[in-house]
Amino acid sequence: EEIMYYLATFAIGSWPEEKDYPVCAECRRAGNPCILIEKGEPCLGPVTVAGCDARCIKYGIPCIGCRGPVPDVSWFDSLAMSFRDRGMDKEYVKKRMAIFASRYEGLNEMIDKIYGD
């Protein structure tokens, strides 16, 4: 579906529209329950670029952040605090958020600070 969209936009001499909003927006539009809030699972949807049609969540799997971070996102710390407050282990949170490490300098230090290290 997405490949067809890209091909069609290129065929008419245009560029695909870039998504600048999180997976959560697609998830809510689809009527999916919030895995982070309602199930307490480590979903990265709040900081991940939309465009996947909330595929993981449709199948009951927390978002893994495969599309990368939303541009100019600044709430990694809030999401990490939410994970901590739900009793998730610091090393698990670091691994879960590692997909963003190359773009978000200081991720490990921020998580250490949140966990009191």
N, C-alpha and C. Protein backbone atom coordinates (compact mmCIF):
# COMPACT_ATOMS: atom_id res chain seq x y z
N GLU A 1 0.82 -1.19 0.00
CA GLU A 1 0.00 0.00 0.00
C GLU A 1 0.87 1.26 0.00
N GLU A 2 1.85 1.28 0.89
CA GLU A 2 2.71 2.46 0.98
C GLU A 2 3.60 2.59 -0.27
N ILE A 3 4.07 1.48 -0.78
CA ILE A 3 4.88 1.51 -1.99
C ILE A 3 4.07 2.07 -3.15
N MET A 4 2.82 1.65 -3.24
CA MET A 4 1.95 2.16 -4.30
C MET A 4 1.74 3.66 -4.17
N TYR A 5 1.59 4.13 -2.96
CA TYR A 5 1.44 5.57 -2.71
C TYR A 5 2.67 6.33 -3.22
N TYR A 6 3.85 5.85 -2.86
CA TYR A 6 5.08 6.50 -3.29
C TYR A 6 5.21 6.47 -4.81
N LEU A 7 4.96 5.33 -5.41
CA LEU A 7 5.05 5.22 -6.87
C LEU A 7 4.06 6.15 -7.56
N ALA A 8 2.85 6.22 -7.04
CA ALA A 8 1.83 7.08 -7.64
C ALA A 8 2.21 8.55 -7.54
N THR A 9 2.75 8.97 -6.40
CA THR A 9 3.13 10.38 -6.26
C THR A 9 4.30 10.72 -7.17
N PHE A 10 5.24 9.81 -7.30
CA PHE A 10 6.37 10.05 -8.21
C PHE A 10 5.89 10.07 -9.66
N ALA A 11 4.94 9.21 -9.98
CA ALA A 11 4.43 9.12 -11.35
C ALA A 11 3.77 10.43 -11.81
N ILE A 12 3.18 11.15 -10.87
CA ILE A 12 2.53 12.41 -11.25
C ILE A 12 3.46 13.61 -11.04
N GLY A 13 4.73 13.31 -10.76
CA GLY A 13 5.72 14.37 -10.61
C GLY A 13 5.67 15.09 -9.29
N SER A 14 5.21 14.43 -8.26
CA SER A 14 5.09 15.03 -6.94
C SER A 14 5.98 14.28 -5.96
N TRP A 15 6.01 14.76 -4.73
CA TRP A 15 6.74 14.09 -3.66
C TRP A 15 5.74 13.60 -2.61
N PRO A 16 6.02 12.44 -2.01
CA PRO A 16 5.13 11.94 -0.96
C PRO A 16 5.10 12.90 0.23
N GLU A 17 3.96 12.99 0.85
CA GLU A 17 3.80 13.84 2.03
C GLU A 17 4.51 13.18 3.21
N GLU A 18 5.35 13.96 3.87
CA GLU A 18 6.07 13.44 5.04
C GLU A 18 5.14 13.48 6.25
N LYS A 19 5.20 12.46 7.04
CA LYS A 19 4.40 12.40 8.27
C LYS A 19 5.20 13.09 9.38
N ASP A 20 4.53 13.94 10.15
CA ASP A 20 5.19 14.62 11.26
C ASP A 20 4.41 14.44 12.55
N TYR A 21 3.65 13.36 12.61
CA TYR A 21 2.85 13.07 13.79
C TYR A 21 3.09 11.62 14.21
N PRO A 22 2.78 11.28 15.46
CA PRO A 22 3.09 9.94 15.96
C PRO A 22 2.08 8.87 15.56
N VAL A 23 2.51 7.64 15.73
CA VAL A 23 1.67 6.47 15.47
C VAL A 23 0.38 6.54 16.28
N CYS A 24 0.43 7.15 17.45
CA CYS A 24 -0.76 7.27 18.29
C CYS A 24 -1.95 7.85 17.53
N ALA A 25 -1.69 8.82 16.67
CA ALA A 25 -2.78 9.44 15.90
C ALA A 25 -3.47 8.42 15.02
N GLU A 26 -2.69 7.59 14.33
CA GLU A 26 -3.28 6.54 13.48
C GLU A 26 -4.00 5.50 14.33
N CYS A 27 -3.43 5.22 15.45
CA CYS A 27 -3.99 4.21 16.36
C CYS A 27 -5.38 4.64 16.85
N ARG A 28 -5.47 5.87 17.28
CA ARG A 28 -6.75 6.38 17.80
C ARG A 28 -7.80 6.46 16.70
N ARG A 29 -7.38 6.90 15.49
CA ARG A 29 -8.31 6.95 14.36
C ARG A 29 -8.87 5.58 14.03
N ALA A 30 -8.04 4.55 14.20
CA ALA A 30 -8.47 3.18 13.91
C ALA A 30 -9.31 2.59 15.05
N GLY A 31 -9.39 3.32 16.17
CA GLY A 31 -10.17 2.83 17.30
C GLY A 31 -9.47 1.78 18.13
N ASN A 32 -8.15 1.69 17.99
CA ASN A 32 -7.39 0.72 18.78
C ASN A 32 -7.28 1.17 20.23
N PRO A 33 -7.28 0.23 21.17
CA PRO A 33 -7.04 0.62 22.56
C PRO A 33 -5.58 1.04 22.72
N CYS A 34 -5.32 1.96 23.63
CA CYS A 34 -3.94 2.40 23.86
C CYS A 34 -3.21 1.33 24.66
N ILE A 35 -2.26 0.71 24.02
CA ILE A 35 -1.50 -0.37 24.65
C ILE A 35 -0.70 0.14 25.83
N LEU A 36 -0.16 1.36 25.73
CA LEU A 36 0.63 1.93 26.81
C LEU A 36 -0.23 2.22 28.03
N ILE A 37 -1.34 2.90 27.84
CA ILE A 37 -2.18 3.31 28.96
C ILE A 37 -3.07 2.18 29.47
N GLU A 38 -3.75 1.50 28.56
CA GLU A 38 -4.73 0.51 28.97
C GLU A 38 -4.13 -0.84 29.34
N LYS A 39 -3.00 -1.20 28.72
CA LYS A 39 -2.39 -2.50 29.02
C LYS A 39 -1.08 -2.38 29.78
N GLY A 40 -0.53 -1.15 29.86
CA GLY A 40 0.72 -0.94 30.58
C GLY A 40 1.93 -1.55 29.90
N GLU A 41 1.86 -1.73 28.58
CA GLU A 41 2.96 -2.32 27.84
C GLU A 41 3.83 -1.22 27.22
N PRO A 42 5.11 -1.52 26.96
CA PRO A 42 6.06 -0.51 26.49
C PRO A 42 5.91 -0.14 25.02
N CYS A 43 4.92 0.65 24.71
CA CYS A 43 4.66 1.07 23.33
C CYS A 43 5.44 2.34 23.01
N LEU A 44 6.11 2.36 21.86
CA LEU A 44 6.86 3.53 21.44
C LEU A 44 6.07 4.41 20.48
N GLY A 45 4.79 4.15 20.33
CA GLY A 45 3.93 4.93 19.45
C GLY A 45 3.96 6.42 19.68
N PRO A 46 4.04 6.91 20.93
CA PRO A 46 4.05 8.35 21.15
C PRO A 46 5.24 9.09 20.56
N VAL A 47 6.34 8.40 20.30
CA VAL A 47 7.54 9.07 19.78
C VAL A 47 7.95 8.57 18.39
N THR A 48 7.09 7.76 17.75
CA THR A 48 7.41 7.15 16.46
C THR A 48 6.59 7.77 15.33
N VAL A 49 7.24 8.03 14.20
CA VAL A 49 6.58 8.61 13.03
C VAL A 49 5.48 7.68 12.52
N ALA A 50 4.33 8.27 12.25
CA ALA A 50 3.19 7.52 11.71
C ALA A 50 3.46 7.13 10.26
N GLY A 51 2.54 6.36 9.72
CA GLY A 51 2.65 5.93 8.33
C GLY A 51 2.54 4.43 8.19
N CYS A 52 2.55 3.75 9.30
CA CYS A 52 2.48 2.29 9.29
C CYS A 52 1.05 1.79 9.44
N ASP A 53 0.12 2.73 9.63
CA ASP A 53 -1.28 2.39 9.86
C ASP A 53 -1.46 1.63 11.17
N ALA A 54 -0.58 1.92 12.13
CA ALA A 54 -0.62 1.30 13.46
C ALA A 54 -0.68 -0.22 13.38
N ARG A 55 0.11 -0.77 12.48
CA ARG A 55 0.08 -2.20 12.19
C ARG A 55 0.36 -3.07 13.42
N CYS A 56 1.41 -2.74 14.18
CA CYS A 56 1.74 -3.56 15.35
C CYS A 56 0.57 -3.60 16.33
N ILE A 57 0.03 -2.42 16.61
CA ILE A 57 -1.03 -2.31 17.60
C ILE A 57 -2.27 -3.07 17.16
N LYS A 58 -2.56 -3.07 15.87
CA LYS A 58 -3.72 -3.82 15.35
C LYS A 58 -3.64 -5.29 15.73
N TYR A 59 -2.41 -5.79 15.87
CA TYR A 59 -2.21 -7.20 16.21
C TYR A 59 -1.86 -7.40 17.68
N GLY A 60 -2.09 -6.35 18.49
CA GLY A 60 -1.89 -6.46 19.93
C GLY A 60 -0.44 -6.41 20.37
N ILE A 61 0.43 -5.92 19.50
CA ILE A 61 1.86 -5.83 19.80
C ILE A 61 2.22 -4.36 20.01
N PRO A 62 2.95 -4.02 21.07
CA PRO A 62 3.36 -2.63 21.26
C PRO A 62 4.25 -2.16 20.11
N CYS A 63 4.12 -0.90 19.74
CA CYS A 63 4.93 -0.30 18.68
C CYS A 63 6.41 -0.43 19.04
N ILE A 64 7.23 -0.84 18.06
CA ILE A 64 8.67 -0.98 18.31
C ILE A 64 9.47 0.21 17.78
N GLY A 65 8.79 1.16 17.17
CA GLY A 65 9.47 2.37 16.70
C GLY A 65 10.23 2.22 15.41
N CYS A 66 9.80 1.32 14.55
CA CYS A 66 10.57 1.01 13.34
C CYS A 66 10.65 2.15 12.34
N ARG A 67 9.75 3.12 12.41
CA ARG A 67 9.78 4.23 11.44
C ARG A 67 10.62 5.41 11.94
N GLY A 68 11.19 5.27 13.11
CA GLY A 68 12.05 6.33 13.65
C GLY A 68 11.26 7.37 14.42
N PRO A 69 11.98 8.29 15.06
CA PRO A 69 11.33 9.28 15.91
C PRO A 69 10.60 10.37 15.14
N VAL A 70 9.55 10.88 15.74
CA VAL A 70 8.83 12.03 15.20
C VAL A 70 9.81 13.20 15.18
N PRO A 71 9.80 14.01 14.10
CA PRO A 71 10.73 15.15 14.04
C PRO A 71 10.60 16.06 15.27
N ASP A 72 11.73 16.49 15.77
CA ASP A 72 11.79 17.42 16.90
C ASP A 72 11.09 16.92 18.15
N VAL A 73 11.03 15.60 18.30
CA VAL A 73 10.37 15.06 19.49
C VAL A 73 11.21 15.38 20.72
N SER A 74 10.56 15.76 21.78
CA SER A 74 11.29 16.10 23.00
C SER A 74 10.70 15.42 24.22
N TRP A 75 9.89 14.41 24.02
CA TRP A 75 9.29 13.78 25.19
C TRP A 75 9.76 12.35 25.42
N PHE A 76 11.00 12.04 25.01
CA PHE A 76 11.57 10.73 25.35
C PHE A 76 11.60 10.57 26.86
N ASP A 77 11.94 11.66 27.56
CA ASP A 77 12.02 11.59 29.02
C ASP A 77 10.66 11.27 29.63
N SER A 78 9.60 11.88 29.12
CA SER A 78 8.26 11.60 29.65
C SER A 78 7.87 10.16 29.41
N LEU A 79 8.20 9.64 28.24
CA LEU A 79 7.87 8.25 27.94
C LEU A 79 8.69 7.31 28.82
N ALA A 80 9.97 7.62 29.02
CA ALA A 80 10.81 6.81 29.89
C ALA A 80 10.28 6.83 31.33
N MET A 81 9.81 8.00 31.79
CA MET A 81 9.22 8.09 33.14
C MET A 81 7.96 7.24 33.23
N SER A 82 7.18 7.25 32.18
CA SER A 82 5.97 6.44 32.14
C SER A 82 6.32 4.95 32.23
N PHE A 83 7.36 4.55 31.51
CA PHE A 83 7.81 3.15 31.57
C PHE A 83 8.29 2.81 32.99
N ARG A 84 9.07 3.73 33.58
CA ARG A 84 9.56 3.51 34.95
C ARG A 84 8.40 3.38 35.92
N ASP A 85 7.42 4.28 35.80
CA ASP A 85 6.28 4.27 36.71
C ASP A 85 5.44 3.00 36.57
N ARG A 86 5.56 2.34 35.44
CA ARG A 86 4.84 1.08 35.23
C ARG A 86 5.68 -0.12 35.66
N GLY A 87 6.83 0.16 36.30
CA GLY A 87 7.66 -0.90 36.86
C GLY A 87 8.61 -1.57 35.88
N MET A 88 8.87 -0.93 34.75
CA MET A 88 9.76 -1.54 33.76
C MET A 88 11.22 -1.30 34.14
N ASP A 89 12.03 -2.33 34.01
CA ASP A 89 13.44 -2.32 34.33
C ASP A 89 14.21 -1.33 33.45
N LYS A 90 15.19 -0.63 34.05
CA LYS A 90 15.96 0.38 33.34
C LYS A 90 16.65 -0.18 32.09
N GLU A 91 17.29 -1.32 32.20
CA GLU A 91 17.99 -1.89 31.04
C GLU A 91 17.02 -2.28 29.94
N TYR A 92 15.85 -2.75 30.33
CA TYR A 92 14.82 -3.08 29.35
C TYR A 92 14.37 -1.82 28.60
N VAL A 93 14.18 -0.74 29.34
CA VAL A 93 13.77 0.53 28.73
C VAL A 93 14.85 1.03 27.78
N LYS A 94 16.12 0.92 28.17
CA LYS A 94 17.22 1.34 27.29
C LYS A 94 17.20 0.54 25.99
N LYS A 95 17.02 -0.77 26.11
CA LYS A 95 16.98 -1.61 24.91
C LYS A 95 15.77 -1.27 24.05
N ARG A 96 14.65 -1.05 24.70
CA ARG A 96 13.41 -0.75 23.98
C ARG A 96 13.52 0.55 23.20
N MET A 97 14.22 1.53 23.78
CA MET A 97 14.34 2.84 23.14
C MET A 97 15.62 2.96 22.30
N ALA A 98 16.40 1.89 22.21
CA ALA A 98 17.69 1.94 21.51
C ALA A 98 17.56 2.32 20.05
N ILE A 99 16.44 2.06 19.43
CA ILE A 99 16.26 2.41 18.03
C ILE A 99 16.46 3.91 17.81
N PHE A 100 16.28 4.70 18.85
CA PHE A 100 16.42 6.15 18.75
C PHE A 100 17.81 6.64 19.14
N ALA A 101 18.65 5.76 19.63
CA ALA A 101 19.94 6.18 20.19
C ALA A 101 20.80 6.96 19.21
N SER A 102 20.76 6.61 17.94
CA SER A 102 21.61 7.31 16.98
C SER A 102 21.16 8.75 16.73
N ARG A 103 19.90 9.02 16.92
CA ARG A 103 19.37 10.38 16.68
C ARG A 103 19.22 11.19 17.96
N TYR A 104 19.12 10.53 19.05
CA TYR A 104 18.86 11.22 20.31
C TYR A 104 20.06 11.04 21.23
N GLU A 105 21.00 11.98 21.14
CA GLU A 105 22.19 11.90 21.96
C GLU A 105 21.81 12.05 23.43
N GLY A 106 22.48 11.31 24.25
CA GLY A 106 22.23 11.40 25.67
C GLY A 106 21.07 10.55 26.16
N LEU A 107 20.58 9.65 25.32
CA LEU A 107 19.45 8.81 25.71
C LEU A 107 19.77 7.98 26.96
N ASN A 108 20.92 7.31 26.96
CA ASN A 108 21.29 6.48 28.12
C ASN A 108 21.44 7.31 29.38
N GLU A 109 22.05 8.49 29.25
CA GLU A 109 22.23 9.36 30.41
C GLU A 109 20.88 9.83 30.95
N MET A 110 19.97 10.15 30.02
CA MET A 110 18.64 10.60 30.42
C MET A 110 17.91 9.49 31.18
N ILE A 111 18.00 8.27 30.67
CA ILE A 111 17.33 7.14 31.34
C ILE A 111 17.97 6.88 32.70
N ASP A 112 19.32 6.96 32.78
CA ASP A 112 19.99 6.79 34.07
C ASP A 112 19.50 7.82 35.07
N LYS A 113 19.35 9.07 34.64
CA LYS A 113 18.89 10.14 35.52
C LYS A 113 17.46 9.86 36.00
N ILE A 114 16.60 9.42 35.10
CA ILE A 114 15.21 9.13 35.46
C ILE A 114 15.13 8.00 36.48
N TYR A 115 16.02 7.02 36.33
CA TYR A 115 16.02 5.88 37.24
C TYR A 115 16.87 6.13 38.49
N GLY A 116 17.41 7.35 38.62
CA GLY A 116 18.12 7.73 39.83
C GLY A 116 19.56 7.26 39.91
N ASP A 117 20.20 7.04 38.78
CA ASP A 117 21.61 6.60 38.79
C ASP A 117 22.54 7.76 38.55
